[in-house]
Amino acid sequence: MLFKKAAVTFAERTLKKGDLVIAEGRIENRSYQKEGQTHYMTEIAVREGRQTRPDLKVGICGEHGGDPASIAFCHATGLTYVSCSPFRVPVARLAAAQAALASVERDR
């Protein structure tokens, strides 16, 4: 398991542009407050990644991919997809639809 500078050093030495990287673990909802708004690090990473590569696909895989709260967070953050085990798919689809409808309602 690598964090921060060790992860960057490892990536620089072993990966090249375009390599597929899979990260496992729980979603870290690290955030900070600025001018009365909460900003999530995941949201910042997705936004900045897409500034560099607009077609960047970002998603999560694992049991949290079938958790309704995680799905709502991923939708709000702009992730492209979630993936989960087959028995969680019905709940995940329902949660994804609810998140999409909720965002349409907020945007009205």
Protein backbone atom coordinates (compact mmCIF):
# COMPACT_ATOMS: atom_id res chain seq x y z
CA MET A 1 0.00 0.00 0.00
CA LEU A 2 1.41 3.37 -1.02
CA PHE A 3 0.39 6.87 -0.05
CA LYS A 4 1.28 10.37 -1.19
CA LYS A 5 4.92 10.82 -2.25
CA ALA A 6 5.67 7.08 -2.24
CA ALA A 7 2.75 6.50 -4.62
CA VAL A 8 3.92 9.28 -6.94
CA THR A 9 7.50 7.96 -6.96
CA PHE A 10 6.29 4.42 -7.69
CA ALA A 11 4.01 5.64 -10.50
CA GLU A 12 6.74 7.75 -12.10
CA ARG A 13 9.16 4.81 -12.13
CA THR A 14 6.80 2.06 -13.29
CA LEU A 15 3.98 3.57 -15.35
CA LYS A 16 3.82 5.28 -18.68
CA LYS A 17 1.13 7.56 -20.10
CA GLY A 18 -2.00 5.63 -20.97
CA ASP A 19 -1.41 2.70 -18.59
CA LEU A 20 -4.51 1.40 -16.85
CA VAL A 21 -4.31 1.73 -13.07
CA ILE A 22 -6.71 0.07 -10.68
CA ALA A 23 -6.90 1.24 -7.08
CA GLU A 24 -8.75 -0.70 -4.42
CA GLY A 25 -10.06 0.37 -1.08
CA ARG A 26 -12.78 2.39 0.51
CA ILE A 27 -13.85 5.74 -0.81
CA GLU A 28 -12.19 8.54 1.10
CA ASN A 29 -14.48 11.51 1.30
CA ARG A 30 -11.82 13.94 2.36
CA SER A 31 -13.10 17.44 2.19
CA TYR A 32 -12.46 20.98 3.25
CA GLN A 33 -14.57 24.07 3.83
CA LYS A 34 -14.03 27.23 1.82
CA GLU A 35 -16.34 30.22 1.78
CA GLY A 36 -19.13 28.19 3.37
CA GLN A 37 -19.01 25.37 0.81
CA THR A 38 -17.73 21.82 1.20
CA HIS A 39 -15.23 20.72 -1.45
CA TYR A 40 -14.41 17.01 -1.84
CA MET A 41 -10.98 15.88 -2.96
CA THR A 42 -12.54 13.27 -5.28
CA GLU A 43 -14.48 16.02 -7.02
CA ILE A 44 -11.30 18.08 -7.47
CA ALA A 45 -9.36 15.09 -8.84
CA VAL A 46 -12.08 14.31 -11.41
CA ARG A 47 -12.38 17.95 -12.50
CA GLU A 48 -8.63 18.47 -12.85
CA GLY A 49 -8.13 15.11 -14.56
CA ARG A 50 -10.74 16.04 -17.15
CA GLN A 51 -9.10 19.41 -17.74
CA THR A 52 -6.07 17.47 -18.92
CA ARG A 53 -8.02 14.70 -20.65
CA PRO A 54 -11.68 15.55 -21.32
CA ASP A 55 -12.62 11.96 -22.21
CA LEU A 56 -11.21 10.60 -18.93
CA LYS A 57 -13.39 7.84 -17.54
CA VAL A 58 -13.39 7.62 -13.75
CA GLY A 59 -15.27 5.08 -11.69
CA ILE A 60 -15.24 2.80 -8.71
CA CYS A 61 -15.39 -0.96 -8.45
CA GLY A 62 -16.24 -3.11 -5.46
CA GLU A 63 -18.92 -3.44 -2.86
CA HIS A 64 -19.14 0.33 -2.35
CA GLY A 65 -20.15 0.46 -6.04
CA GLY A 66 -23.48 -1.07 -4.98
CA ASP A 67 -24.04 1.17 -1.97
CA PRO A 68 -26.78 3.79 -2.59
CA ALA A 69 -24.96 6.51 -0.62
CA SER A 70 -21.73 5.87 -2.57
CA ILE A 71 -23.62 5.92 -5.87
CA ALA A 72 -25.23 9.27 -5.03
CA PHE A 73 -21.79 10.64 -4.08
CA CYS A 74 -20.24 9.33 -7.31
CA HIS A 75 -23.02 10.87 -9.40
CA ALA A 76 -22.67 14.23 -7.68
CA THR A 77 -18.88 14.08 -8.07
CA GLY A 78 -19.08 13.34 -11.80
CA LEU A 79 -17.73 9.80 -11.88
CA THR A 80 -18.43 7.98 -15.14
CA TYR A 81 -19.43 4.60 -13.74
CA VAL A 82 -19.73 2.32 -10.74
CA SER A 83 -19.21 -1.42 -10.79
CA CYS A 84 -20.39 -3.94 -8.21
CA SER A 85 -21.11 -7.60 -7.66
CA PRO A 86 -24.11 -9.05 -9.53
CA PHE A 87 -26.35 -9.39 -6.50
CA ARG A 88 -26.04 -5.63 -5.86
CA VAL A 89 -26.91 -4.57 -9.43
CA PRO A 90 -30.68 -4.08 -8.88
CA VAL A 91 -30.10 -1.80 -5.89
CA ALA A 92 -27.29 0.00 -7.74
CA ARG A 93 -29.50 0.67 -10.77
CA LEU A 94 -32.27 2.04 -8.60
CA ALA A 95 -29.83 4.24 -6.66
CA ALA A 96 -28.29 5.52 -9.93
CA ALA A 97 -31.73 6.42 -11.28
CA GLN A 98 -32.64 8.18 -8.04
CA ALA A 99 -29.37 10.14 -8.09
CA ALA A 100 -29.94 11.19 -11.71
CA LEU A 101 -33.53 12.30 -10.99
CA ALA A 102 -32.44 14.19 -7.88
CA SER A 103 -29.82 16.10 -9.88
CA VAL A 104 -32.43 17.01 -12.52
CA GLU A 105 -34.70 18.33 -9.76
CA ARG A 106 -31.84 20.36 -8.23
CA ASP A 107 -30.97 21.87 -11.61
CA ARG A 108 -34.50 23.16 -12.22
